[in-house]
Protein backbone atom coordinates (compact mmCIF):
# COMPACT_ATOMS: atom_id res chain seq x y z
CA MET A 1 -31.50 3.72 -139.47
CA ARG A 2 -28.30 1.76 -139.70
CA ASP A 3 -28.64 -1.96 -138.94
CA GLU A 4 -25.67 -1.96 -136.63
CA LYS A 5 -24.63 -3.68 -133.43
CA ASP A 6 -21.89 -1.92 -131.50
CA TRP A 7 -19.80 -4.51 -129.70
CA SER A 8 -17.53 -1.78 -128.20
CA TRP A 9 -14.81 -4.20 -127.22
CA GLU A 10 -12.51 -1.84 -125.39
CA PRO A 11 -9.92 -2.84 -122.75
CA GLN A 12 -10.87 -2.65 -119.11
CA GLY A 13 -8.89 -2.56 -115.88
CA ASP A 14 -5.28 -3.57 -116.30
CA SER A 15 -5.66 -4.56 -119.97
CA HIS A 16 -3.43 -2.70 -122.39
CA PRO A 17 -3.81 -2.16 -126.13
CA SER A 18 -1.58 -4.19 -128.40
CA PRO A 19 1.56 -2.23 -129.33
CA LEU A 20 0.57 -2.85 -132.94
CA ILE A 21 -2.40 -0.48 -132.61
CA PRO A 22 -1.55 2.88 -131.04
CA ARG A 23 -4.16 4.91 -129.16
CA PRO A 24 -6.77 6.17 -129.81
CA PHE A 25 -8.84 3.05 -130.43
CA ILE A 26 -9.73 2.30 -134.02
CA THR A 27 -13.11 1.14 -135.31
CA ILE A 28 -13.58 -1.72 -137.74
CA GLY A 29 -16.85 -2.93 -139.26
CA THR A 30 -18.02 -6.46 -139.89
CA VAL A 31 -21.06 -8.15 -141.41
CA PRO A 32 -23.54 -9.68 -138.90
CA TYR A 33 -23.35 -13.18 -140.39
CA LEU A 34 -22.11 -16.52 -139.13
CA ASN A 35 -19.40 -16.70 -141.78
CA ALA A 36 -17.70 -13.61 -140.35
CA ARG A 37 -17.56 -14.80 -136.74
CA PRO A 38 -14.19 -16.59 -137.02
CA LEU A 39 -12.60 -13.32 -138.15
CA VAL A 40 -13.85 -11.16 -135.27
CA ARG A 41 -14.50 -13.33 -132.22
CA TRP A 42 -10.88 -12.94 -131.08
CA PHE A 43 -11.55 -9.27 -130.32
CA GLY A 44 -14.18 -10.18 -127.72
CA ASP A 45 -13.24 -13.68 -126.61
CA THR A 46 -9.59 -13.20 -125.69
CA GLU A 47 -7.76 -10.89 -123.32
CA GLU A 48 -5.34 -10.00 -126.08
CA GLY A 49 -8.19 -9.15 -128.43
CA ARG A 50 -10.04 -7.08 -125.84
CA GLY A 51 -6.82 -5.17 -125.24
CA SER A 52 -6.01 -4.70 -128.91
CA GLY A 53 -7.32 -1.15 -129.16
CA VAL A 54 -9.91 -2.22 -131.76
CA ARG A 55 -13.63 -1.45 -131.52
CA VAL A 56 -15.92 -3.65 -133.65
CA VAL A 57 -19.32 -2.66 -135.07
CA GLU A 58 -21.74 -4.69 -137.20
CA ALA A 59 -23.67 -3.65 -140.30
CA VAL A 60 -24.91 -5.26 -143.52
CA PRO A 61 -22.52 -5.15 -146.52
CA SER A 62 -24.16 -2.21 -148.28
CA GLU A 63 -24.05 -0.12 -145.09
CA LEU A 64 -20.43 -1.08 -144.39
CA ALA A 65 -19.54 0.29 -147.82
CA ARG A 66 -21.23 3.57 -146.93
CA MET A 67 -19.40 3.64 -143.59
CA LEU A 68 -16.09 3.32 -145.43
CA ARG A 69 -17.05 6.18 -147.73
CA ARG A 70 -17.93 8.35 -144.73
CA GLY A 71 -14.67 7.50 -142.99
CA GLU A 72 -16.45 5.94 -140.00
CA CYS A 73 -14.17 2.91 -139.79
CA ALA A 74 -10.53 2.18 -140.48
CA ALA A 75 -11.38 -1.11 -142.18
CA ALA A 76 -14.47 -3.13 -142.96
CA LEU A 77 -15.03 -6.80 -143.68
CA VAL A 78 -17.00 -5.81 -146.72
CA SER A 79 -18.07 -7.16 -150.09
CA SER A 80 -15.22 -7.83 -152.49
CA PHE A 81 -17.15 -5.89 -155.13
CA GLU A 82 -16.49 -2.71 -153.16
CA LEU A 83 -12.76 -3.24 -153.75
CA LEU A 84 -13.43 -3.59 -157.48
CA ARG A 85 -15.27 -0.29 -157.74
CA ARG A 86 -13.03 1.66 -155.34
CA PRO A 87 -9.47 1.81 -156.76
CA ASP A 88 -8.47 4.08 -153.86
CA LEU A 89 -8.90 1.22 -151.36
CA CYS A 90 -6.57 -1.62 -150.42
CA TYR A 91 -7.13 -4.97 -148.73
CA ALA A 92 -5.55 -6.79 -145.79
CA PRO A 93 -3.46 -9.73 -147.08
CA GLY A 94 -4.10 -13.28 -145.96
CA VAL A 95 -7.70 -12.88 -144.75
CA ALA A 96 -10.99 -13.37 -146.59
CA VAL A 97 -14.43 -14.89 -146.49
CA ALA A 98 -14.23 -17.33 -149.39
CA ALA A 99 -15.41 -20.73 -150.58
CA GLU A 100 -14.34 -23.30 -153.15
CA GLY A 101 -17.60 -24.41 -154.74
CA PRO A 102 -21.00 -24.50 -153.00
CA VAL A 103 -21.31 -21.77 -150.36
CA LEU A 104 -24.87 -22.60 -149.17
CA SER A 105 -25.51 -19.07 -147.86
CA VAL A 106 -25.54 -17.13 -151.16
CA ARG A 107 -28.37 -18.49 -153.27
CA MET A 108 -31.00 -17.56 -155.80
CA LEU A 109 -34.31 -19.33 -155.17
CA SER A 110 -36.70 -19.46 -158.10
CA LYS A 111 -40.28 -20.45 -158.87
CA VAL A 112 -39.24 -21.33 -162.44
CA PRO A 113 -36.24 -23.12 -163.96
CA ILE A 114 -33.17 -20.88 -163.98
CA PRO A 115 -33.07 -20.37 -167.80
CA ALA A 116 -36.70 -19.17 -167.64
CA VAL A 117 -36.11 -16.49 -165.01
CA ARG A 118 -37.24 -13.06 -166.23
CA SER A 119 -37.22 -11.11 -162.94
CA VAL A 120 -35.14 -11.33 -159.76
CA ALA A 121 -35.73 -9.62 -156.42
CA LEU A 122 -32.35 -8.64 -155.00
CA ASP A 123 -31.52 -8.51 -151.31
CA THR A 124 -30.74 -4.80 -150.84
CA SER A 125 -28.11 -5.59 -148.20
CA SER A 126 -25.91 -7.31 -150.79
CA LEU A 127 -23.19 -5.94 -153.07
CA THR A 128 -20.89 -8.74 -154.25
CA SER A 129 -23.65 -11.31 -154.62
CA VAL A 130 -25.70 -9.01 -156.84
CA ALA A 131 -22.76 -8.52 -159.19
CA LEU A 132 -21.90 -12.22 -159.13
CA LEU A 133 -25.48 -13.22 -159.91
CA LYS A 134 -25.62 -10.89 -162.92
CA ILE A 135 -22.38 -12.39 -164.25
CA LEU A 136 -23.57 -15.96 -163.75
CA LEU A 137 -27.00 -15.46 -165.31
CA ALA A 138 -25.44 -13.76 -168.32
CA GLU A 139 -22.49 -16.10 -168.90
CA ARG A 140 -23.83 -19.47 -167.73
CA PHE A 141 -27.52 -19.21 -168.61
CA GLY A 142 -27.67 -16.48 -171.25
CA VAL A 143 -30.48 -14.61 -169.52
CA ALA A 144 -30.78 -10.92 -168.64
CA PRO A 145 -33.75 -10.57 -166.27
CA CYS A 146 -34.97 -7.34 -164.74
CA TYR A 147 -33.72 -6.79 -161.21
CA LEU A 148 -35.85 -5.43 -158.39
CA PRO A 149 -34.32 -4.13 -155.12
CA HIS A 150 -36.10 -5.69 -152.19
CA GLY A 151 -35.79 -6.33 -148.48
CA PRO A 152 -34.72 -9.90 -147.58
CA ASP A 153 -38.13 -11.55 -147.21
CA LEU A 154 -38.42 -14.61 -149.45
CA ASP A 155 -42.23 -14.84 -149.58
CA ARG A 156 -42.65 -11.18 -150.48
CA MET A 157 -39.77 -11.32 -152.94
CA LEU A 158 -41.27 -14.28 -154.79
CA SER A 159 -44.67 -12.60 -154.85
CA GLU A 160 -43.12 -9.85 -156.98
CA ALA A 161 -40.50 -11.69 -159.05
CA ASP A 162 -39.68 -15.09 -160.54
CA ALA A 163 -36.67 -15.50 -158.28
CA ALA A 164 -35.03 -14.04 -155.19
CA LEU A 165 -31.41 -13.58 -154.12
CA LEU A 166 -30.70 -14.12 -150.42
CA ILE A 167 -27.37 -13.91 -148.62
CA GLY A 168 -25.88 -14.52 -145.20
CA ASP A 169 -27.79 -16.28 -142.44
CA LEU A 170 -31.10 -15.87 -144.30
CA GLY A 171 -29.54 -17.38 -147.40
CA TYR A 172 -28.36 -20.35 -145.34
CA ARG A 173 -31.80 -21.37 -144.07
CA GLU A 174 -33.70 -24.31 -145.48
CA TYR A 175 -36.61 -23.37 -147.76
CA ASP A 176 -39.27 -25.06 -149.84
CA PRO A 177 -37.45 -27.89 -151.66
CA SER A 178 -39.70 -27.42 -154.69
CA LEU A 179 -37.97 -24.11 -155.48
CA HIS A 180 -35.20 -24.12 -158.07
CA THR A 181 -31.94 -23.22 -156.33
CA LEU A 182 -28.81 -21.65 -157.77
CA ASP A 183 -25.88 -21.76 -155.35
CA LEU A 184 -23.71 -18.90 -156.59
CA GLY A 185 -20.49 -20.42 -155.27
CA ALA A 186 -21.12 -23.71 -157.06
CA ALA A 187 -22.03 -21.91 -160.30
CA TRP A 188 -18.88 -19.76 -160.12
CA ARG A 189 -16.72 -22.87 -159.61
CA GLU A 190 -18.35 -24.51 -162.64
CA LEU A 191 -17.81 -21.37 -164.73
CA THR A 192 -14.19 -20.63 -163.77
CA GLY A 193 -12.77 -23.57 -161.82
CA LEU A 194 -11.80 -21.10 -159.08
CA PRO A 195 -12.82 -20.27 -155.52
CA PHE A 196 -14.83 -17.13 -154.93
CA VAL A 197 -13.94 -14.37 -152.48
CA TYR A 198 -17.09 -12.88 -150.96
CA ALA A 199 -15.53 -10.40 -148.55
CA LEU A 200 -12.19 -8.99 -147.43
CA TRP A 201 -10.92 -6.48 -144.92
CA ILE A 202 -10.87 -3.28 -146.99
CA GLY A 203 -9.89 0.27 -146.16
CA SER A 204 -7.96 3.32 -147.27
CA PRO A 205 -4.18 2.80 -147.20
CA ASP A 206 -3.65 5.58 -144.66
CA ARG A 207 -5.91 3.78 -142.14
CA LEU A 208 -5.69 0.11 -143.07
CA THR A 209 -1.96 0.05 -142.36
CA PRO A 210 0.26 -3.04 -142.32
CA GLU A 211 0.11 -2.88 -138.50
CA VAL A 212 -3.70 -3.01 -138.52
CA ALA A 213 -3.59 -5.82 -141.12
CA GLU A 214 -1.31 -7.82 -138.82
CA VAL A 215 -3.88 -7.63 -136.01
CA LEU A 216 -6.65 -8.72 -138.41
CA LEU A 217 -4.51 -11.68 -139.48
CA ARG A 218 -3.93 -12.61 -135.84
CA ALA A 219 -7.68 -12.56 -135.24
CA LYS A 220 -8.22 -14.83 -138.26
CA GLU A 221 -5.62 -17.33 -137.08
CA TRP A 222 -7.26 -17.56 -133.66
CA GLY A 223 -10.71 -17.97 -135.22
CA ALA A 224 -9.54 -20.69 -137.60
CA ALA A 225 -8.17 -22.62 -134.61
CA HIS A 226 -11.44 -22.29 -132.64
CA LEU A 227 -14.13 -23.11 -135.21
CA GLU A 228 -15.65 -25.85 -133.06
CA ALA A 229 -16.08 -23.51 -130.09
CA ILE A 230 -17.51 -20.78 -132.34
CA ALA A 231 -20.03 -23.22 -133.81
CA ARG A 232 -21.13 -24.28 -130.32
CA THR A 233 -21.92 -20.70 -129.30
CA GLU A 234 -23.58 -19.69 -132.58
CA TYR A 235 -25.91 -22.49 -133.65
CA GLU A 236 -28.69 -21.78 -131.14
CA ARG A 237 -28.69 -18.08 -132.03
CA LEU A 238 -29.32 -19.07 -135.64
CA GLY A 239 -31.92 -21.72 -134.86
CA GLU A 240 -29.67 -24.31 -136.48
CA THR A 241 -28.15 -27.61 -135.39
CA TYR A 242 -24.60 -27.75 -134.13
CA GLU A 243 -23.70 -30.27 -136.85
CA ARG A 244 -24.92 -28.04 -139.68
CA THR A 245 -23.27 -24.93 -138.22
CA HIS A 246 -19.98 -26.73 -137.59
CA GLY A 247 -20.01 -28.23 -141.07
CA TYR A 248 -20.59 -24.82 -142.63
CA LEU A 249 -17.68 -23.22 -140.78
CA THR A 250 -15.24 -26.10 -141.23
CA LYS A 251 -16.11 -27.64 -144.60
CA VAL A 252 -17.66 -24.81 -146.65
CA MET A 253 -16.01 -21.55 -145.65
CA ARG A 254 -12.37 -20.57 -146.16
CA TYR A 255 -10.70 -17.74 -144.29
CA GLY A 256 -7.30 -17.52 -145.96
CA LEU A 257 -6.44 -15.44 -148.99
CA GLY A 258 -3.90 -17.47 -150.90
CA ALA A 259 -2.84 -17.56 -154.53
CA ARG A 260 -6.00 -19.36 -155.76
CA GLU A 261 -8.29 -16.97 -153.92
CA VAL A 262 -6.45 -13.98 -155.39
CA GLU A 263 -6.77 -15.60 -158.83
CA GLY A 264 -10.51 -15.99 -158.24
CA LEU A 265 -10.74 -12.35 -157.17
CA ARG A 266 -8.95 -11.21 -160.32
CA ALA A 267 -11.27 -13.36 -162.44
CA PHE A 268 -14.25 -11.69 -160.74
CA ALA A 269 -12.77 -8.27 -161.49
CA GLY A 270 -12.27 -9.20 -165.15
CA LYS A 271 -15.81 -10.49 -165.56
CA ALA A 272 -17.28 -7.49 -163.74
CA LEU A 273 -15.50 -5.23 -166.21
CA ALA A 274 -16.55 -7.34 -169.22
CA ASN A 275 -20.19 -7.25 -168.07
CA GLY A 276 -20.22 -3.51 -167.53
CA LEU A 277 -20.49 -3.68 -163.73
CA ILE A 278 -17.38 -1.55 -163.17
CA ASP A 279 -15.97 1.21 -165.36
CA ALA A 280 -12.25 0.45 -165.23
CA PRO A 281 -9.87 -2.39 -164.34
CA ALA A 282 -9.47 -2.79 -160.58
CA PRO A 283 -5.89 -2.61 -159.19
CA LEU A 284 -6.65 -4.98 -156.26
CA SER A 285 -3.80 -3.72 -154.09
CA PRO A 286 -2.82 -5.23 -150.74
CA CYS A 287 -2.27 -2.64 -148.06
CA THR A 288 1.38 -3.63 -147.67
CA SER A 289 2.16 -2.50 -151.22
CA ARG A 290 0.90 1.06 -150.86
C-alpha cells in the first residue's frame, strides 16, 4: 500500500484558483519530510495557496517516482536521481532541496570504520541517497560493499549489515554516538567542493509547464520567508526541539536552485554515469526550455 497522505488542499467557498493554474485541479506529490515543508506549506497555510488549484499528496521518494511513471501527478518533489535516469522529464527552475556540506538527515551509520564496511542496508524509500552513497564509497573510500534493500529500521538494519543508510526525518534523529557516521552531504562537499541537490520538482514537460513552475516558485518564496513559523509547527510532530528544527531549516537546508546547485547536479550526473548508475548522459532540462 502506498505510504501517502492526501492533503487535498482544494479551494472552498469564495476562493478561486490562481489564474496561473486552469481548472481542473492538478495534483503534485511531495516527500513527507521536514525538509520539504517550506516548499509546500503555502498550499495549505495561505488563502492564495488554497485557491491555487493544486492538490498535494505525500509519498516516499521511491513511490513518488512510480507515481510520475503512472502519470498520477503533474509534478513531484522527487529525488534528483530520477531526473538523471529519466531524460524525458524536466525540472522546475529555481526550486530544490539542497545543502552545502553537512545535511544531517542523509547519513550512513556503521558498526565498523567506513573503510572496513563490507555490507550496507539501504533504506528502500531512497533513490538519490543510494546512488550518492555508492559514488562516495567508491571514490572517497575505495570500497564496494554489497547492498541489501531494507525497511528504515536502524536496529534491524545493523543486525544484518555492517552499516545502514537512513534518510529524511529518521536520518535526522540522534543515534548511538559510538556508531561511525558518514554524512553524505559533507562527504560530497569534500569530494567535489559543491553543494548537493537532493530533490527537485520534476515532471513531464506537457504537465510541468512554466505556469505550474511559477506557482511552485511562489510557494518556495513564501516558505523561505516563513521558516521560523514552519519550525514552530513542526518540531513537536518530530519529537525534536524548536532550536534543532529551526537550525536545520535555516542553517542546513537550501531551497534555491542557483548556478552552484546546478553545477553540483551536473557533477552528480557525471559521477553517476562514470560509476555505471545511469546508462547515458542526463540532459537536465528546465521545463522552460522544452
